[in-house]
Amino acid sequence: MIIGGTGLCTGWLIGDEGHLMTNNHCIGNASDAASVEFQFNYEFEDCNGSITSRTDVVATTSTLVKTNSLLDYTLVKLPVNPTSEYGFLSFRSDIPKVGERIYIPQHPGGRRKEISVKDDRSRSGFAAIVRNGDRITYQSDTERGSSGSPVLSFDDNLVVALHNTGGCASGNGGNRNDNIIADIGSLMPSGGVDNGGSGGGNPCGDCIDFDDYTLDSYSNGDNGQATISDGGSTLTIANNGWKSIDLGYTVTRNTIIEFDFSSSSQGEIHGIGFDTDAGASADRIFKVHGTQDWGITDFDNYSGGTKSYRIEVGDFYTGTFDRLFFACDDDANGGGVSVFSNVKVYESGAKASRALDAKEAIEATSDLGVYPNPVKDILYLRGLDADIFYQVLNSVGESVMSGTGDRLDAKVLKPGIYIIRTQDDRNIRFIKD
């Protein structure tokens, strides 16, 4: 949050009605609340901090609901309700316990989101509550700008305190959940307490319920098994299975698909995508796991446990599709397992400009062509003079190749979608198999 054009603090969505929680020393009155820029997705897309995410300015004002200087909290209401896209958090009603493991998502120093998970003074090395009185204290790292951050229980992802103090010899600290809950009283928004289903993630009332669909075979290679569990929110595919559901959807530049993925046995291709027929296509599947280098591999980073994915589908393809498919390809061994849960398809707000916005110019560039497409080795360029310089961009806009002439050697490229951008501002897309 940017308060009054200069102040930096952290805030978080509480409940499902578009309310936000922060410190009183960040937003202290109605005038402060009316002059705040609320930025969401101010973070990195990877854990190495090398790929910046799109940042959304959701609102530039808010309405004060309640504030308390002694408990150092402020509850405001945004003019829009963004919880369907960004999710929300909830307080836990139970009092936190000494030794309970915690973590603190925050914007220290006004930087992109970082999460404090460690404590270099504890025996375990993990952040935990060290004292519990009217306030709780911990040795987790924070900085200026972290004020207003939620202190979350590692076990249930519910908020157990509101961080407000750092740099103390006795440890950093925050005001306890139960005291703030009692003070807010009837003004607490819906879902603001003990809503464990949405704590730490998106509310999933609009997730796909697999019990509402018939699972169809997708791809000629489907000979696996599929089971539905968790009240229809989870689809498990095993032993070389490709399945689809009849989900008619028009994918636009703003289409997002979110899901949780896990696997207890690695196969060749684990992924998800939209299609118009039952033939598996490398330019339709978002691969997240597997030994085979095939499909759109920008999200091929699963390493264990349960991992949440958010894919901006419109950055890769658009159009009208009649099915959503799920893959656990393992025809070599027949032992792979894919678990997809909390699958959600929706339209985001307007996107910030990205390198692949050049896709919108592709269809109009009728004098520039490529073949074969998809390509395995040599790609031939049509309509390009020999002295025209071009660059090849990957899906995040990085230049991976450049040259001149009417052909390029695609053998050195990883499978995926690429853009050729010429020095005279023409663009065309190709797919490397």
Protein backbone atom coordinates (compact mmCIF):
# COMPACT_ATOMS: atom_id res chain seq x y z
CA MET A 1 0.00 0.00 0.00
CA ILE A 2 1.11 3.56 -0.72
CA ILE A 3 -0.52 5.94 1.76
CA GLY A 4 -0.78 9.61 0.89
CA GLY A 5 1.66 9.16 -1.97
CA THR A 6 4.66 8.40 0.28
CA GLY A 7 3.89 6.02 3.18
CA LEU A 8 4.54 2.31 2.66
CA CYS A 9 2.78 -0.47 4.56
CA THR A 10 1.44 -3.98 4.04
CA GLY A 11 -2.25 -4.89 4.04
CA TRP A 12 -4.30 -8.01 3.36
CA LEU A 13 -7.81 -8.95 2.32
CA ILE A 14 -9.89 -10.21 5.23
CA GLY A 15 -13.14 -12.04 4.54
CA ASP A 16 -14.96 -12.33 1.24
CA GLU A 17 -16.61 -8.90 0.98
CA GLY A 18 -13.66 -6.72 -0.12
CA HIS A 19 -12.33 -5.57 3.27
CA LEU A 20 -8.66 -4.98 4.00
CA MET A 21 -6.72 -5.06 7.28
CA THR A 22 -3.59 -3.09 8.20
CA ASN A 23 -2.13 -1.12 11.15
CA ASN A 24 -3.62 2.01 12.70
CA HIS A 25 -0.20 3.66 12.43
CA CYS A 26 -0.47 3.11 8.65
CA ILE A 27 -4.08 4.23 8.14
CA GLY A 28 -5.22 6.17 11.19
CA ASN A 29 -8.39 7.93 10.09
CA ALA A 30 -10.94 8.38 7.30
CA SER A 31 -8.77 10.92 5.52
CA ASP A 32 -5.86 8.46 5.37
CA ALA A 33 -8.19 5.72 4.14
CA ALA A 34 -9.39 7.89 1.27
CA SER A 35 -5.85 8.42 -0.04
CA VAL A 36 -4.30 4.96 -0.44
CA GLU A 37 -3.12 3.17 -3.56
CA PHE A 38 -3.79 -0.56 -3.15
CA GLN A 39 -1.41 -2.65 -5.26
CA PHE A 40 -1.92 -6.39 -5.66
CA ASN A 41 0.41 -9.00 -7.20
CA TYR A 42 3.41 -6.85 -6.26
CA GLU A 43 5.66 -9.89 -6.15
CA PHE A 44 7.94 -12.16 -8.15
CA GLU A 45 6.72 -15.11 -10.21
CA ASP A 46 9.62 -17.30 -9.09
CA CYS A 47 11.40 -17.97 -5.82
CA ASN A 48 14.70 -16.66 -7.17
CA GLY A 49 13.32 -13.15 -7.57
CA SER A 50 14.23 -12.94 -11.25
CA ILE A 51 10.79 -12.66 -12.91
CA THR A 52 8.54 -9.80 -11.85
CA SER A 53 4.81 -10.39 -11.82
CA ARG A 54 2.15 -8.10 -13.20
CA THR A 55 1.15 -5.48 -10.59
CA ASP A 56 -2.52 -4.51 -10.37
CA VAL A 57 -3.65 -1.21 -8.88
CA VAL A 58 -7.04 -2.36 -7.64
CA ALA A 59 -8.14 0.86 -5.91
CA THR A 60 -6.88 4.35 -5.05
CA THR A 61 -9.27 4.99 -2.19
CA SER A 62 -11.11 3.15 0.58
CA THR A 63 -13.70 3.69 3.30
CA LEU A 64 -12.78 3.47 6.98
CA VAL A 65 -14.80 0.81 8.82
CA LYS A 66 -13.09 0.71 12.23
CA THR A 67 -9.74 1.53 13.78
CA ASN A 68 -8.12 1.17 17.22
CA SER A 69 -4.83 2.84 18.09
CA LEU A 70 -4.18 0.64 21.18
CA LEU A 71 -4.60 -2.59 19.23
CA ASP A 72 -3.00 -0.84 16.23
CA TYR A 73 -5.39 -2.15 13.61
CA THR A 74 -7.52 -0.53 10.91
CA LEU A 75 -10.25 -2.19 8.87
CA VAL A 76 -11.21 -0.53 5.58
CA LYS A 77 -13.58 -1.42 2.73
CA LEU A 78 -12.39 -1.20 -0.86
CA PRO A 79 -14.69 0.25 -3.55
CA VAL A 80 -14.44 -3.08 -5.41
CA ASN A 81 -14.38 -6.66 -4.16
CA PRO A 82 -11.24 -8.35 -5.56
CA THR A 83 -11.45 -11.55 -3.51
CA SER A 84 -12.60 -13.67 -6.46
CA GLU A 85 -9.22 -13.07 -8.09
CA TYR A 86 -6.84 -12.67 -5.15
CA GLY A 87 -8.46 -14.71 -2.40
CA PHE A 88 -8.64 -13.66 1.22
CA LEU A 89 -7.43 -14.51 4.71
CA SER A 90 -9.24 -15.13 7.99
CA PHE A 91 -8.41 -14.69 11.64
CA ARG A 92 -8.32 -17.81 13.78
CA SER A 93 -10.50 -17.62 16.87
CA ASP A 94 -8.22 -19.88 18.95
CA ILE A 95 -5.37 -18.23 20.85
CA PRO A 96 -1.92 -18.97 19.39
CA LYS A 97 0.50 -21.09 21.42
CA VAL A 98 4.16 -20.63 22.30
CA GLY A 99 6.24 -22.75 19.94
CA GLU A 100 3.62 -22.67 17.18
CA ARG A 101 5.25 -22.35 13.78
CA ILE A 102 4.35 -19.19 11.79
CA TYR A 103 5.17 -17.32 8.61
CA ILE A 104 4.75 -13.66 7.63
CA PRO A 105 4.10 -12.49 4.04
CA GLN A 106 5.10 -8.83 3.80
CA HIS A 107 6.54 -5.96 1.76
CA PRO A 108 9.70 -5.12 3.73
CA GLY A 109 11.18 -1.78 2.74
CA GLY A 110 8.35 -1.41 0.21
CA ARG A 111 9.87 -4.18 -1.91
CA ARG A 112 7.99 -6.91 -3.77
CA LYS A 113 6.42 -9.52 -1.52
CA GLU A 114 8.75 -11.59 0.65
CA ILE A 115 7.81 -14.25 3.20
CA SER A 116 9.57 -14.57 6.53
CA VAL A 117 9.75 -18.26 7.41
CA LYS A 118 13.00 -18.64 9.38
CA ASP A 119 14.34 -17.82 12.82
CA ASP A 120 18.11 -18.06 13.13
CA ARG A 121 17.88 -18.14 16.94
CA SER A 122 15.62 -21.15 17.28
CA ARG A 123 16.73 -24.77 17.40
CA SER A 124 14.47 -25.77 14.50
CA GLY A 125 15.42 -22.80 12.35
CA PHE A 126 11.77 -22.05 11.57
CA ALA A 127 9.85 -18.96 12.66
CA ALA A 128 7.72 -19.60 15.72
CA ILE A 129 5.95 -17.80 18.56
CA VAL A 130 8.34 -17.25 21.47
CA ARG A 131 6.09 -15.30 23.88
CA ASN A 132 2.35 -14.99 24.26
CA GLY A 133 0.75 -12.29 26.40
CA ASP A 134 -1.64 -9.62 25.20
CA ARG A 135 0.71 -9.58 22.25
CA ILE A 136 2.79 -12.31 20.69
CA THR A 137 6.49 -12.04 19.86
CA TYR A 138 8.72 -13.87 17.40
CA GLN A 139 12.24 -13.60 15.98
CA SER A 140 11.16 -13.59 12.32
CA ASP A 141 12.74 -10.89 10.15
CA THR A 142 10.70 -7.79 9.22
CA GLU A 143 11.51 -4.23 8.13
CA ARG A 144 9.83 -0.86 7.76
CA GLY A 145 7.04 -1.44 5.26
CA SER A 146 6.12 -4.76 6.90
CA SER A 147 3.68 -3.02 9.26
CA GLY A 148 0.20 -4.46 8.86
CA SER A 149 1.35 -7.90 7.72
CA PRO A 150 -0.61 -10.99 8.74
CA VAL A 151 1.14 -13.46 11.05
CA LEU A 152 -0.10 -16.84 9.83
CA SER A 153 -0.09 -20.22 11.48
CA PHE A 154 1.94 -22.68 9.44
CA ASP A 155 -0.49 -25.49 10.32
CA ASP A 156 -3.82 -23.98 9.24
CA ASN A 157 -2.94 -20.78 7.27
CA LEU A 158 -5.15 -18.69 9.58
CA VAL A 159 -4.07 -15.30 10.94
CA VAL A 160 -3.01 -15.42 14.59
CA ALA A 161 -1.70 -11.84 14.94
CA LEU A 162 -1.33 -8.51 13.16
CA HIS A 163 2.34 -7.54 12.89
CA ASN A 164 3.18 -4.02 14.01
CA THR A 165 6.57 -3.91 15.78
CA GLY A 166 10.14 -4.69 14.75
CA GLY A 167 13.69 -4.06 15.86
CA CYS A 168 13.13 -4.89 19.53
CA ALA A 169 15.68 -6.83 21.59
CA SER A 170 12.92 -9.11 22.86
CA GLY A 171 11.76 -9.88 19.34
CA ASN A 172 9.34 -8.54 16.76
CA GLY A 173 5.67 -8.65 17.60
CA GLY A 174 2.03 -8.25 16.75
CA ASN A 175 -1.33 -7.85 18.40
CA ARG A 176 -3.17 -11.06 19.09
CA ASN A 177 -6.04 -12.33 16.95
CA ASP A 178 -8.66 -12.79 19.66
CA ASN A 179 -8.32 -9.22 20.94
CA ILE A 180 -8.81 -7.75 17.47
CA ILE A 181 -11.75 -10.07 16.74
CA ALA A 182 -13.50 -8.97 19.94
CA ASP A 183 -12.95 -5.28 19.18
CA ILE A 184 -14.25 -5.48 15.61
CA GLY A 185 -17.37 -7.29 16.81
CA SER A 186 -20.33 -7.20 14.45
CA LEU A 187 -18.37 -5.25 11.84
CA MET A 188 -16.27 -8.33 11.06
CA PRO A 189 -16.79 -9.17 7.35
CA SER A 190 -18.16 -12.50 6.21
CA GLY A 191 -15.44 -15.15 6.18
CA GLY A 192 -13.22 -13.04 8.42
CA VAL A 193 -12.90 -15.65 11.20
CA ASP A 194 -12.06 -19.38 10.98
CA ASN A 195 -12.58 -19.60 7.25
CA GLY A 196 -9.87 -22.21 6.78
CA GLY A 197 -11.08 -23.09 3.30
CA SER A 198 -9.79 -19.78 1.98
CA GLY A 199 -7.00 -18.99 4.38
CA GLY A 200 -3.83 -18.50 2.38
CA GLY A 201 -5.50 -18.99 -0.98
CA ASN A 202 -8.41 -18.24 -3.25
CA PRO A 203 -11.94 -18.90 -2.04
CA CYS A 204 -13.02 -21.87 -4.11
CA GLY A 205 -16.77 -21.58 -4.29
CA ASP A 206 -16.38 -21.20 -8.06
CA CYS A 207 -13.82 -23.97 -8.53
CA ILE A 208 -14.65 -26.74 -10.96
CA ASP A 209 -16.76 -29.49 -9.38
CA PHE A 210 -15.69 -32.63 -11.26
CA ASP A 211 -18.82 -34.41 -10.03
CA ASP A 212 -20.81 -32.14 -12.37
CA TYR A 213 -19.01 -33.45 -15.46
CA THR A 214 -18.45 -36.66 -17.38
CA LEU A 215 -14.78 -37.57 -17.68
CA ASP A 216 -13.98 -38.31 -21.30
CA SER A 217 -10.89 -39.86 -22.85
CA TYR A 218 -8.55 -37.33 -24.42
CA SER A 219 -5.77 -38.35 -26.81
CA ASN A 220 -5.37 -41.75 -28.41
CA GLY A 221 -2.96 -42.74 -25.65
CA ASP A 222 -5.49 -42.70 -22.83
CA ASN A 223 -5.57 -46.00 -20.97
CA GLY A 224 -5.29 -44.73 -17.40
CA GLN A 225 -7.70 -44.47 -14.50
CA ALA A 226 -9.30 -41.37 -12.96
CA THR A 227 -10.97 -40.83 -9.60
CA ILE A 228 -12.80 -37.82 -8.15
CA SER A 229 -12.57 -36.94 -4.46
CA ASP A 230 -12.82 -34.13 -1.89
CA GLY A 231 -16.42 -33.35 -2.74
CA GLY A 232 -15.67 -32.98 -6.43
CA SER A 233 -12.73 -30.58 -6.12
CA THR A 234 -9.94 -33.09 -6.83
CA LEU A 235 -9.18 -35.18 -9.92
CA THR A 236 -6.56 -37.91 -9.69
CA ILE A 237 -5.26 -39.56 -12.87
CA ALA A 238 -2.95 -42.56 -12.82
CA ASN A 239 -1.18 -44.96 -15.17
CA ASN A 240 -0.93 -43.10 -18.48
CA GLY A 241 -4.25 -41.27 -18.44
CA TRP A 242 -5.51 -38.32 -20.50
CA LYS A 243 -8.94 -37.02 -19.45
CA SER A 244 -11.13 -34.07 -20.42
CA ILE A 245 -14.38 -32.41 -19.37
CA ASP A 246 -16.84 -30.56 -21.61
CA LEU A 247 -16.00 -27.05 -20.47
CA GLY A 248 -16.92 -24.72 -23.31
CA TYR A 249 -14.88 -21.56 -22.82
CA THR A 250 -13.67 -18.61 -24.89
CA VAL A 251 -10.08 -17.92 -23.88
CA THR A 252 -9.23 -14.23 -24.08
CA ARG A 253 -6.05 -12.31 -23.31
CA ASN A 254 -7.34 -12.04 -19.72
CA THR A 255 -8.11 -15.71 -19.08
CA ILE A 256 -6.51 -17.22 -15.97
CA ILE A 257 -6.43 -20.85 -14.89
CA GLU A 258 -5.47 -21.68 -11.31
CA PHE A 259 -5.03 -25.09 -9.74
CA ASP A 260 -3.13 -27.06 -7.13
CA PHE A 261 -0.99 -29.93 -8.38
CA SER A 262 0.77 -32.85 -6.73
CA SER A 263 2.29 -36.12 -7.87
CA SER A 264 3.47 -39.17 -5.96
CA SER A 265 4.94 -40.77 -9.08
CA GLN A 266 6.57 -38.92 -11.96
CA GLY A 267 5.49 -39.85 -15.45
CA GLU A 268 6.48 -38.36 -18.79
CA ILE A 269 4.03 -35.45 -19.12
CA HIS A 270 1.81 -33.99 -16.40
CA GLY A 271 -0.22 -30.99 -17.54
CA ILE A 272 -3.44 -29.15 -18.31
CA GLY A 273 -4.91 -27.16 -21.20
CA PHE A 274 -7.81 -26.24 -23.48
CA ASP A 275 -8.59 -27.87 -26.82
CA THR A 276 -11.21 -28.27 -29.55
CA ASP A 277 -10.67 -31.97 -30.28
CA ALA A 278 -9.25 -35.11 -28.69
CA GLY A 279 -5.86 -34.91 -30.38
CA ALA A 280 -3.05 -33.96 -27.99
CA SER A 281 -1.16 -30.86 -29.15
CA ALA A 282 2.15 -29.48 -27.90
CA ASP A 283 0.92 -25.89 -28.27
CA ARG A 284 -2.12 -26.47 -26.00
CA ILE A 285 -0.80 -28.27 -22.92
CA PHE A 286 0.83 -26.45 -20.01
CA LYS A 287 3.35 -28.99 -18.73
CA VAL A 288 4.12 -28.74 -14.99
CA HIS A 289 6.00 -32.00 -14.39
CA GLY A 290 7.46 -35.03 -16.17
CA THR A 291 10.54 -36.47 -17.81
CA GLN A 292 9.57 -35.74 -21.42
CA ASP A 293 10.36 -32.31 -22.91
CA TRP A 294 7.04 -31.65 -24.68
CA GLY A 295 4.36 -28.97 -24.54
CA ILE A 296 4.45 -25.43 -23.17
CA THR A 297 7.20 -25.81 -20.58
CA ASP A 298 7.22 -22.35 -18.97
CA PHE A 299 5.61 -23.80 -15.82
CA ASP A 300 7.54 -27.08 -15.71
CA ASN A 301 8.84 -26.53 -12.18
CA TYR A 302 7.07 -29.01 -9.89
CA SER A 303 9.46 -30.51 -7.33
CA GLY A 304 7.25 -32.15 -4.71
CA GLY A 305 4.42 -31.65 -2.25
CA THR A 306 1.43 -29.61 -3.40
CA LYS A 307 2.20 -26.62 -5.62
CA SER A 308 -0.23 -23.88 -6.65
CA TYR A 309 -0.18 -22.64 -10.24
CA ARG A 310 -1.61 -19.48 -11.80
CA ILE A 311 -1.31 -19.49 -15.59
CA GLU A 312 -2.23 -16.53 -17.79
CA VAL A 313 -3.53 -18.66 -20.65
CA GLY A 314 -4.11 -15.69 -22.95
CA ASP A 315 -0.39 -15.02 -23.08
CA PHE A 316 0.00 -18.30 -24.98
CA TYR A 317 -3.19 -18.80 -26.99
CA THR A 318 -6.75 -17.52 -27.36
CA GLY A 319 -9.93 -18.75 -29.02
CA THR A 320 -13.09 -20.75 -28.36
CA PHE A 321 -12.58 -24.24 -26.94
CA ASP A 322 -14.99 -27.01 -25.99
CA ARG A 323 -12.96 -28.97 -23.45
CA LEU A 324 -10.46 -28.67 -20.61
CA PHE A 325 -8.04 -31.57 -20.47
CA PHE A 326 -5.74 -33.09 -17.87
CA ALA A 327 -2.71 -35.28 -18.56
CA CYS A 328 -0.73 -37.98 -16.81
CA ASP A 329 1.20 -39.34 -19.76
CA ASP A 330 3.45 -42.30 -18.98
CA ASP A 331 3.16 -44.75 -21.87
CA ALA A 332 6.71 -45.98 -21.28
CA ASN A 333 6.15 -47.19 -17.71
CA GLY A 334 2.45 -46.71 -16.94
CA GLY A 335 3.09 -45.60 -13.39
CA GLY A 336 2.59 -41.81 -13.29
CA VAL A 337 0.16 -40.01 -10.99
CA SER A 338 -1.34 -36.51 -11.47
CA VAL A 339 -3.51 -34.87 -8.83
CA PHE A 340 -5.34 -31.67 -9.85
CA SER A 341 -7.43 -29.84 -7.25
CA ASN A 342 -9.14 -26.47 -6.75
CA VAL A 343 -9.19 -25.85 -10.50
CA LYS A 344 -10.50 -22.42 -11.35
CA VAL A 345 -10.93 -20.63 -14.71
CA TYR A 346 -11.77 -16.93 -14.76
CA GLU A 347 -11.12 -13.56 -16.41
CA SER A 348 -8.72 -11.14 -14.76
CA GLY A 349 -8.78 -7.36 -15.06
CA ALA A 350 -6.88 -5.54 -17.78
CA LYS A 351 -3.32 -6.78 -18.02
CA ALA A 352 -0.21 -4.70 -18.00
CA SER A 353 1.77 -4.64 -21.24
CA ARG A 354 4.15 -7.57 -21.62
CA ALA A 355 6.66 -8.62 -24.23
CA LEU A 356 4.24 -11.15 -25.73
CA ASP A 357 1.62 -8.49 -26.39
CA ALA A 358 3.19 -8.63 -29.86
CA LYS A 359 0.88 -11.62 -30.44
CA GLU A 360 -1.91 -9.17 -31.26
CA ALA A 361 0.08 -8.01 -34.28
CA ILE A 362 0.78 -11.50 -35.58
CA GLU A 363 -2.42 -12.05 -37.51
CA ALA A 364 -2.06 -8.69 -39.29
CA THR A 365 1.49 -9.47 -40.46
CA SER A 366 0.41 -11.22 -43.64
CA ASP A 367 3.69 -10.61 -45.52
CA LEU A 368 5.77 -12.50 -42.94
CA GLY A 369 5.49 -16.25 -42.69
CA VAL A 370 7.26 -19.28 -41.20
CA TYR A 371 7.29 -22.98 -42.10
CA PRO A 372 7.14 -25.70 -40.98
CA ASN A 373 5.20 -24.70 -37.91
CA PRO A 374 5.55 -26.45 -35.44
CA VAL A 375 9.22 -26.98 -36.21
CA LYS A 376 11.85 -29.45 -35.00
CA ASP A 377 15.07 -28.20 -36.64
CA ILE A 378 15.28 -25.63 -39.47
CA LEU A 379 12.62 -22.90 -39.57
CA TYR A 380 12.25 -21.05 -42.89
CA LEU A 381 11.21 -17.40 -42.93
CA ARG A 382 9.08 -16.04 -45.77
CA GLY A 383 8.91 -12.34 -46.64
CA LEU A 384 12.10 -11.36 -44.83
CA ASP A 385 14.89 -9.59 -46.73
CA ALA A 386 18.36 -11.03 -46.24
CA ASP A 387 19.67 -7.93 -44.45
CA ILE A 388 16.75 -7.55 -42.01
CA PHE A 389 17.77 -8.26 -38.40
CA TYR A 390 15.43 -10.29 -36.20
CA GLN A 391 15.24 -11.50 -32.61
CA VAL A 392 13.61 -14.64 -31.22
CA LEU A 393 11.80 -14.04 -27.92
CA ASN A 394 10.64 -16.68 -25.46
CA SER A 395 7.34 -16.54 -23.59
CA VAL A 396 8.62 -14.09 -20.95
CA GLY A 397 10.04 -11.70 -23.54
CA GLU A 398 13.71 -12.69 -23.25
CA SER A 399 15.80 -12.66 -26.42
CA VAL A 400 17.14 -16.19 -26.93
CA MET A 401 18.42 -15.91 -30.50
CA SER A 402 19.05 -13.28 -33.17
CA GLY A 403 20.24 -13.14 -36.76
CA THR A 404 19.52 -12.25 -40.38
CA GLY A 405 18.48 -14.28 -43.40
CA ASP A 406 15.61 -16.53 -44.39
CA ARG A 407 16.11 -19.42 -41.97
CA LEU A 408 17.06 -20.17 -38.37
CA ASP A 409 18.26 -23.28 -36.55
CA ALA A 410 15.53 -24.14 -34.06
CA LYS A 411 17.23 -27.32 -32.82
CA VAL A 412 18.92 -25.32 -30.04
CA LEU A 413 15.58 -24.05 -28.67
CA LYS A 414 13.58 -25.75 -25.96
CA PRO A 415 10.02 -26.84 -26.86
CA GLY A 416 7.57 -24.00 -26.43
CA ILE A 417 6.09 -20.91 -28.06
CA TYR A 418 8.33 -18.18 -29.49
CA ILE A 419 7.95 -14.81 -31.20
CA ILE A 420 10.12 -13.62 -34.08
CA ARG A 421 10.38 -9.82 -33.93
CA THR A 422 12.03 -8.02 -36.84
CA GLN A 423 13.85 -4.69 -36.82
CA ASP A 424 11.01 -3.19 -38.89
CA ASP A 425 8.52 -4.12 -36.14
CA ARG A 426 6.90 -7.18 -37.66
CA ASN A 427 6.08 -10.19 -35.51
CA ILE A 428 5.13 -13.79 -35.99
CA ARG A 429 4.75 -16.75 -33.68
CA PHE A 430 6.10 -20.27 -34.07
CA ILE A 431 6.10 -23.43 -31.98
CA LYS A 432 9.16 -25.54 -31.30
CA ASP A 433 8.29 -29.23 -30.91
